[in-house]
Amino acid sequence: MANAQPVQISRRSDTDVAKVLVSGCLNGPPIRYNQTNVPVESPVWDSWDADGRLVPFCAELAAGFPIPRPPAEIVDGDSTKVLCGQGAVAEDVGTDVTALFIEGARLAVAHARENGCVVAVLTDGSPSCGSTYQYDGSFTGATRAGTGVVAQLLMDSGIRVFPESQLEQADAYLRSLPNRT
């Protein structure tokens, strides 16, 4: 074997793995409306991080909201109505921020597509990212079943959305997809 070449062992590149769009505040900097983040402790998260799957994105910051900012809730209708111009998102001080929430949702979908995200894990309860519940628009802490504006537009765009409390289910879904490593 005079001309034998050394065997090249290549690591999987970041482009070889299915990506997961995640709320920027999940295990990230304190960028929520009240300058906090949402800690995540999970072997699934750690595995995704090691594999280069995580794509953090904050739709509210991308749309131009500051930190801190007043709390906002969907106050008229639901996320579907907001997206079709028949509902509203407002801050607790009364400012209508519907247009910014819609812009953030559009930016999130574009970011997910640009980065090859096939799944999203978002912070539940948020008027942007909530995927199983949101606050009911009364600013009293009461909740209702429903989705946030970003979560709804991602789902409408074919991206499966999970709350941060369902990492195992998100991972099972991700691994069930054909041709996904």
C-alpha atoms as a PDB file:
ATOM      1  CA  MET A   1       0.000   0.000   0.000  1.00  0.00           C
ATOM      2  CA  ALA A   2       2.586   2.493  -1.098  1.00  0.00           C
ATOM      3  CA  ASN A   3       0.077   5.112  -2.292  1.00  0.00           C
ATOM      4  CA  ALA A   4      -2.475   4.799   0.506  1.00  0.00           C
ATOM      5  CA  GLN A   5      -4.092   8.086   1.426  1.00  0.00           C
ATOM      6  CA  PRO A   6      -4.965   8.879   5.026  1.00  0.00           C
ATOM      7  CA  VAL A   7      -8.621   8.416   5.781  1.00  0.00           C
ATOM      8  CA  GLN A   8     -10.414  11.720   6.194  1.00  0.00           C
ATOM      9  CA  ILE A   9     -13.024  11.664   8.920  1.00  0.00           C
ATOM     10  CA  SER A  10     -15.443  14.475   8.326  1.00  0.00           C
ATOM     11  CA  ARG A  11     -17.732  15.902  10.916  1.00  0.00           C
ATOM     12  CA  ARG A  12     -21.290  16.619  10.006  1.00  0.00           C
ATOM     13  CA  SER A  13     -21.517  20.236   8.894  1.00  0.00           C
ATOM     14  CA  ASP A  14     -24.170  22.614  10.175  1.00  0.00           C
ATOM     15  CA  THR A  15     -25.854  22.448   6.778  1.00  0.00           C
ATOM     16  CA  ASP A  16     -26.383  18.685   7.153  1.00  0.00           C
ATOM     17  CA  VAL A  17     -28.736  18.912  10.109  1.00  0.00           C
ATOM     18  CA  ALA A  18     -32.352  20.004  10.270  1.00  0.00           C
ATOM     19  CA  LYS A  19     -32.545  23.298  12.135  1.00  0.00           C
ATOM     20  CA  VAL A  20     -34.837  24.362  14.950  1.00  0.00           C
ATOM     21  CA  LEU A  21     -35.972  27.979  15.195  1.00  0.00           C
ATOM     22  CA  VAL A  22     -36.069  28.919  18.886  1.00  0.00           C
ATOM     23  CA  SER A  23     -37.304  32.018  20.688  1.00  0.00           C
ATOM     24  CA  GLY A  24     -34.303  34.250  21.305  1.00  0.00           C
ATOM     25  CA  CYS A  25     -35.092  34.418  25.018  1.00  0.00           C
ATOM     26  CA  LEU A  26     -34.877  30.625  25.472  1.00  0.00           C
ATOM     27  CA  ASN A  27     -31.541  30.051  27.209  1.00  0.00           C
ATOM     28  CA  GLY A  28     -30.518  33.366  25.701  1.00  0.00           C
ATOM     29  CA  PRO A  29     -29.959  36.920  26.808  1.00  0.00           C
ATOM     30  CA  PRO A  30     -32.566  38.772  28.909  1.00  0.00           C
ATOM     31  CA  ILE A  31     -34.523  40.175  25.951  1.00  0.00           C
ATOM     32  CA  ARG A  32     -38.121  39.549  27.008  1.00  0.00           C
ATOM     33  CA  TYR A  33     -40.372  42.545  27.556  1.00  0.00           C
ATOM     34  CA  ASN A  34     -39.367  42.621  31.251  1.00  0.00           C
ATOM     35  CA  GLN A  35     -35.618  42.068  30.661  1.00  0.00           C
ATOM     36  CA  THR A  36     -35.626  38.366  31.548  1.00  0.00           C
ATOM     37  CA  ASN A  37     -34.918  35.169  29.688  1.00  0.00           C
ATOM     38  CA  VAL A  38     -36.406  31.688  29.915  1.00  0.00           C
ATOM     39  CA  PRO A  39     -33.899  29.099  31.157  1.00  0.00           C
ATOM     40  CA  VAL A  40     -33.953  25.672  29.528  1.00  0.00           C
ATOM     41  CA  GLU A  41     -32.384  22.612  31.103  1.00  0.00           C
ATOM     42  CA  SER A  42     -32.820  19.580  28.900  1.00  0.00           C
ATOM     43  CA  PRO A  43     -30.673  16.880  27.332  1.00  0.00           C
ATOM     44  CA  VAL A  44     -32.631  17.454  24.093  1.00  0.00           C
ATOM     45  CA  TRP A  45     -31.675  21.132  24.078  1.00  0.00           C
ATOM     46  CA  ASP A  46     -28.053  20.282  24.864  1.00  0.00           C
ATOM     47  CA  SER A  47     -27.987  17.745  22.025  1.00  0.00           C
ATOM     48  CA  TRP A  48     -29.499  20.210  19.545  1.00  0.00           C
ATOM     49  CA  ASP A  49     -26.983  22.824  20.632  1.00  0.00           C
ATOM     50  CA  ALA A  50     -24.057  20.409  20.194  1.00  0.00           C
ATOM     51  CA  ASP A  51     -25.365  19.409  16.744  1.00  0.00           C
ATOM     52  CA  GLY A  52     -25.682  23.036  15.620  1.00  0.00           C
ATOM     53  CA  ARG A  53     -29.465  22.826  15.211  1.00  0.00           C
ATOM     54  CA  LEU A  54     -30.511  25.878  17.254  1.00  0.00           C
ATOM     55  CA  VAL A  55     -31.406  29.076  15.390  1.00  0.00           C
ATOM     56  CA  PRO A  56     -32.340  31.740  17.973  1.00  0.00           C
ATOM     57  CA  PHE A  57     -34.584  34.586  16.824  1.00  0.00           C
ATOM     58  CA  CYS A  58     -36.640  37.222  18.598  1.00  0.00           C
ATOM     59  CA  ALA A  59     -39.420  38.502  16.353  1.00  0.00           C
ATOM     60  CA  GLU A  60     -40.248  41.390  18.668  1.00  0.00           C
ATOM     61  CA  LEU A  61     -36.682  42.725  18.643  1.00  0.00           C
ATOM     62  CA  ALA A  62     -36.409  42.176  14.901  1.00  0.00           C
ATOM     63  CA  ALA A  63     -39.554  44.260  14.427  1.00  0.00           C
ATOM     64  CA  GLY A  64     -38.058  47.110  16.439  1.00  0.00           C
ATOM     65  CA  PHE A  65     -39.347  46.739  19.992  1.00  0.00           C
ATOM     66  CA  PRO A  66     -37.005  47.982  22.747  1.00  0.00           C
ATOM     67  CA  ILE A  67     -35.898  46.222  25.937  1.00  0.00           C
ATOM     68  CA  PRO A  68     -37.665  46.659  28.290  1.00  0.00           C
ATOM     69  CA  ARG A  69     -41.070  47.275  26.745  1.00  0.00           C
ATOM     70  CA  PRO A  70     -44.624  47.375  28.024  1.00  0.00           C
ATOM     71  CA  PRO A  71     -46.408  44.009  28.129  1.00  0.00           C
ATOM     72  CA  ALA A  72     -48.604  43.334  25.118  1.00  0.00           C
ATOM     73  CA  GLU A  73     -51.533  40.994  24.558  1.00  0.00           C
ATOM     74  CA  ILE A  74     -53.869  40.112  21.730  1.00  0.00           C
ATOM     75  CA  VAL A  75     -56.822  42.250  22.774  1.00  0.00           C
ATOM     76  CA  ASP A  76     -59.149  41.866  19.824  1.00  0.00           C
ATOM     77  CA  GLY A  77     -59.712  38.454  18.255  1.00  0.00           C
ATOM     78  CA  ASP A  78     -56.987  35.854  17.976  1.00  0.00           C
ATOM     79  CA  SER A  79     -53.738  35.472  16.055  1.00  0.00           C
ATOM     80  CA  THR A  80     -55.529  34.424  12.861  1.00  0.00           C
ATOM     81  CA  LYS A  81     -57.665  37.563  12.971  1.00  0.00           C
ATOM     82  CA  VAL A  82     -54.591  39.681  13.742  1.00  0.00           C
ATOM     83  CA  LEU A  83     -52.791  38.276  10.691  1.00  0.00           C
ATOM     84  CA  CYS A  84     -55.726  39.011   8.383  1.00  0.00           C
ATOM     85  CA  GLY A  85     -56.227  42.548   9.690  1.00  0.00           C
ATOM     86  CA  GLN A  86     -59.320  41.888  11.795  1.00  0.00           C
ATOM     87  CA  GLY A  87     -57.711  41.669  15.245  1.00  0.00           C
ATOM     88  CA  ALA A  88     -55.336  43.740  17.348  1.00  0.00           C
ATOM     89  CA  VAL A  89     -52.352  43.513  19.672  1.00  0.00           C
ATOM     90  CA  ALA A  90     -51.967  46.296  22.222  1.00  0.00           C
ATOM     91  CA  GLU A  91     -49.648  47.200  25.059  1.00  0.00           C
ATOM     92  CA  ASP A  92     -51.036  47.556  28.559  1.00  0.00           C
ATOM     93  CA  VAL A  93     -50.709  51.344  28.133  1.00  0.00           C
ATOM     94  CA  GLY A  94     -53.114  51.175  25.176  1.00  0.00           C
ATOM     95  CA  THR A  95     -50.689  51.556  22.275  1.00  0.00           C
ATOM     96  CA  ASP A  96     -51.700  49.495  19.234  1.00  0.00           C
ATOM     97  CA  VAL A  97     -48.658  47.428  18.216  1.00  0.00           C
ATOM     98  CA  THR A  98     -50.398  45.117  15.740  1.00  0.00           C
ATOM     99  CA  ALA A  99     -48.277  46.157  12.754  1.00  0.00           C
ATOM    100  CA  LEU A 100     -45.034  45.463  14.629  1.00  0.00           C
ATOM    101  CA  PHE A 101     -46.238  42.009  15.690  1.00  0.00           C
ATOM    102  CA  ILE A 102     -47.188  41.147  12.106  1.00  0.00           C
ATOM    103  CA  GLU A 103     -43.828  42.420  10.834  1.00  0.00           C
ATOM    104  CA  GLY A 104     -42.025  40.339  13.467  1.00  0.00           C
ATOM    105  CA  ALA A 105     -43.958  37.256  12.383  1.00  0.00           C
ATOM    106  CA  ARG A 106     -43.024  37.816   8.738  1.00  0.00           C
ATOM    107  CA  LEU A 107     -39.380  38.265   9.691  1.00  0.00           C
ATOM    108  CA  ALA A 108     -39.465  35.065  11.770  1.00  0.00           C
ATOM    109  CA  VAL A 109     -40.808  33.027   8.852  1.00  0.00           C
ATOM    110  CA  ALA A 110     -38.180  34.483   6.521  1.00  0.00           C
ATOM    111  CA  HIS A 111     -35.417  33.745   9.052  1.00  0.00           C
ATOM    112  CA  ALA A 112     -36.656  30.186   9.540  1.00  0.00           C
ATOM    113  CA  ARG A 113     -36.707  29.562   5.794  1.00  0.00           C
ATOM    114  CA  GLU A 114     -33.282  31.133   5.228  1.00  0.00           C
ATOM    115  CA  ASN A 115     -31.794  28.882   7.893  1.00  0.00           C
ATOM    116  CA  GLY A 116     -33.498  25.622   6.948  1.00  0.00           C
ATOM    117  CA  CYS A 117     -35.663  25.397  10.072  1.00  0.00           C
ATOM    118  CA  VAL A 118     -38.279  22.668   9.918  1.00  0.00           C
ATOM    119  CA  VAL A 119     -39.415  22.936  13.532  1.00  0.00           C
ATOM    120  CA  ALA A 120     -39.812  25.832  15.960  1.00  0.00           C
ATOM    121  CA  VAL A 121     -39.682  25.808  19.756  1.00  0.00           C
ATOM    122  CA  LEU A 122     -41.152  29.006  21.112  1.00  0.00           C
ATOM    123  CA  THR A 123     -41.874  30.580  24.491  1.00  0.00           C
ATOM    124  CA  ASP A 124     -45.444  29.741  25.416  1.00  0.00           C
ATOM    125  CA  GLY A 125     -47.850  32.447  26.574  1.00  0.00           C
ATOM    126  CA  SER A 126     -46.311  35.195  24.479  1.00  0.00           C
ATOM    127  CA  PRO A 127     -48.506  37.190  22.067  1.00  0.00           C
ATOM    128  CA  SER A 128     -45.773  36.432  19.520  1.00  0.00           C
ATOM    129  CA  CYS A 129     -44.560  32.958  20.371  1.00  0.00           C
ATOM    130  CA  GLY A 130     -47.296  31.253  22.362  1.00  0.00           C
ATOM    131  CA  SER A 131     -48.229  27.934  20.801  1.00  0.00           C
ATOM    132  CA  THR A 132     -50.681  26.435  23.294  1.00  0.00           C
ATOM    133  CA  TYR A 133     -51.875  29.419  25.307  1.00  0.00           C
ATOM    134  CA  GLN A 134     -51.693  33.184  25.500  1.00  0.00           C
ATOM    135  CA  TYR A 135     -52.864  35.893  27.829  1.00  0.00           C
ATOM    136  CA  ASP A 136     -56.493  36.804  27.213  1.00  0.00           C
ATOM    137  CA  GLY A 137     -56.158  40.521  26.472  1.00  0.00           C
ATOM    138  CA  SER A 138     -57.396  41.739  29.844  1.00  0.00           C
ATOM    139  CA  PHE A 139     -53.897  42.290  31.329  1.00  0.00           C
ATOM    140  CA  THR A 140     -55.064  40.508  34.489  1.00  0.00           C
ATOM    141  CA  GLY A 141     -52.887  37.408  34.109  1.00  0.00           C
ATOM    142  CA  ALA A 142     -55.791  35.320  32.809  1.00  0.00           C
ATOM    143  CA  THR A 143     -54.962  32.973  29.940  1.00  0.00           C
ATOM    144  CA  ARG A 144     -56.807  31.201  27.139  1.00  0.00           C
ATOM    145  CA  ALA A 145     -55.929  28.496  24.660  1.00  0.00           C
ATOM    146  CA  GLY A 146     -54.468  29.869  21.470  1.00  0.00           C
ATOM    147  CA  THR A 147     -51.423  30.850  19.512  1.00  0.00           C
ATOM    148  CA  GLY A 148     -49.326  33.971  19.219  1.00  0.00           C
ATOM    149  CA  VAL A 149     -48.887  35.840  15.947  1.00  0.00           C
ATOM    150  CA  VAL A 150     -45.438  34.390  15.128  1.00  0.00           C
ATOM    151  CA  ALA A 151     -46.440  30.848  16.058  1.00  0.00           C
ATOM    152  CA  GLN A 152     -49.546  31.066  13.874  1.00  0.00           C
ATOM    153  CA  LEU A 153     -47.698  32.410  10.819  1.00  0.00           C
ATOM    154  CA  LEU A 154     -44.995  29.750  11.194  1.00  0.00           C
ATOM    155  CA  MET A 155     -47.676  27.047  11.334  1.00  0.00           C
ATOM    156  CA  ASP A 156     -49.459  28.584   8.341  1.00  0.00           C
ATOM    157  CA  SER A 157     -46.102  28.386   6.531  1.00  0.00           C
ATOM    158  CA  GLY A 158     -45.699  24.669   7.225  1.00  0.00           C
ATOM    159  CA  ILE A 159     -43.325  24.831  10.168  1.00  0.00           C
ATOM    160  CA  ARG A 160     -44.386  22.728  13.147  1.00  0.00           C
ATOM    161  CA  VAL A 161     -44.362  24.716  16.397  1.00  0.00           C
ATOM    162  CA  PHE A 162     -43.882  23.412  19.940  1.00  0.00           C
ATOM    163  CA  PRO A 163     -43.748  25.192  23.310  1.00  0.00           C
ATOM    164  CA  GLU A 164     -40.531  25.012  25.311  1.00  0.00           C
ATOM    165  CA  SER A 165     -42.227  22.516  27.649  1.00  0.00           C
ATOM    166  CA  GLN A 166     -42.450  19.939  24.825  1.00  0.00           C
ATOM    167  CA  LEU A 167     -38.817  19.489  23.779  1.00  0.00           C
ATOM    168  CA  GLU A 168     -39.074  15.695  23.745  1.00  0.00           C
ATOM    169  CA  GLN A 169     -42.113  15.832  21.445  1.00  0.00           C
ATOM    170  CA  ALA A 170     -40.360  18.345  19.183  1.00  0.00           C
ATOM    171  CA  ASP A 171     -37.301  16.099  19.016  1.00  0.00           C
ATOM    172  CA  ALA A 172     -39.424  13.039  18.194  1.00  0.00           C
ATOM    173  CA  TYR A 173     -41.152  14.978  15.426  1.00  0.00           C
ATOM    174  CA  LEU A 174     -37.829  16.233  14.074  1.00  0.00           C
ATOM    175  CA  ARG A 175     -36.402  12.715  13.979  1.00  0.00           C
ATOM    176  CA  SER A 176     -39.532  11.367  12.271  1.00  0.00           C
ATOM    177  CA  LEU A 177     -39.051  13.565   9.234  1.00  0.00           C
ATOM    178  CA  PRO A 178     -37.686  11.840   6.146  1.00  0.00           C
ATOM    179  CA  ASN A 179     -34.078  12.608   5.173  1.00  0.00           C
ATOM    180  CA  ARG A 180     -33.384  14.530   8.364  1.00  0.00           C
ATOM    181  CA  THR A 181     -30.334  13.802  10.464  1.00  0.00           C
END
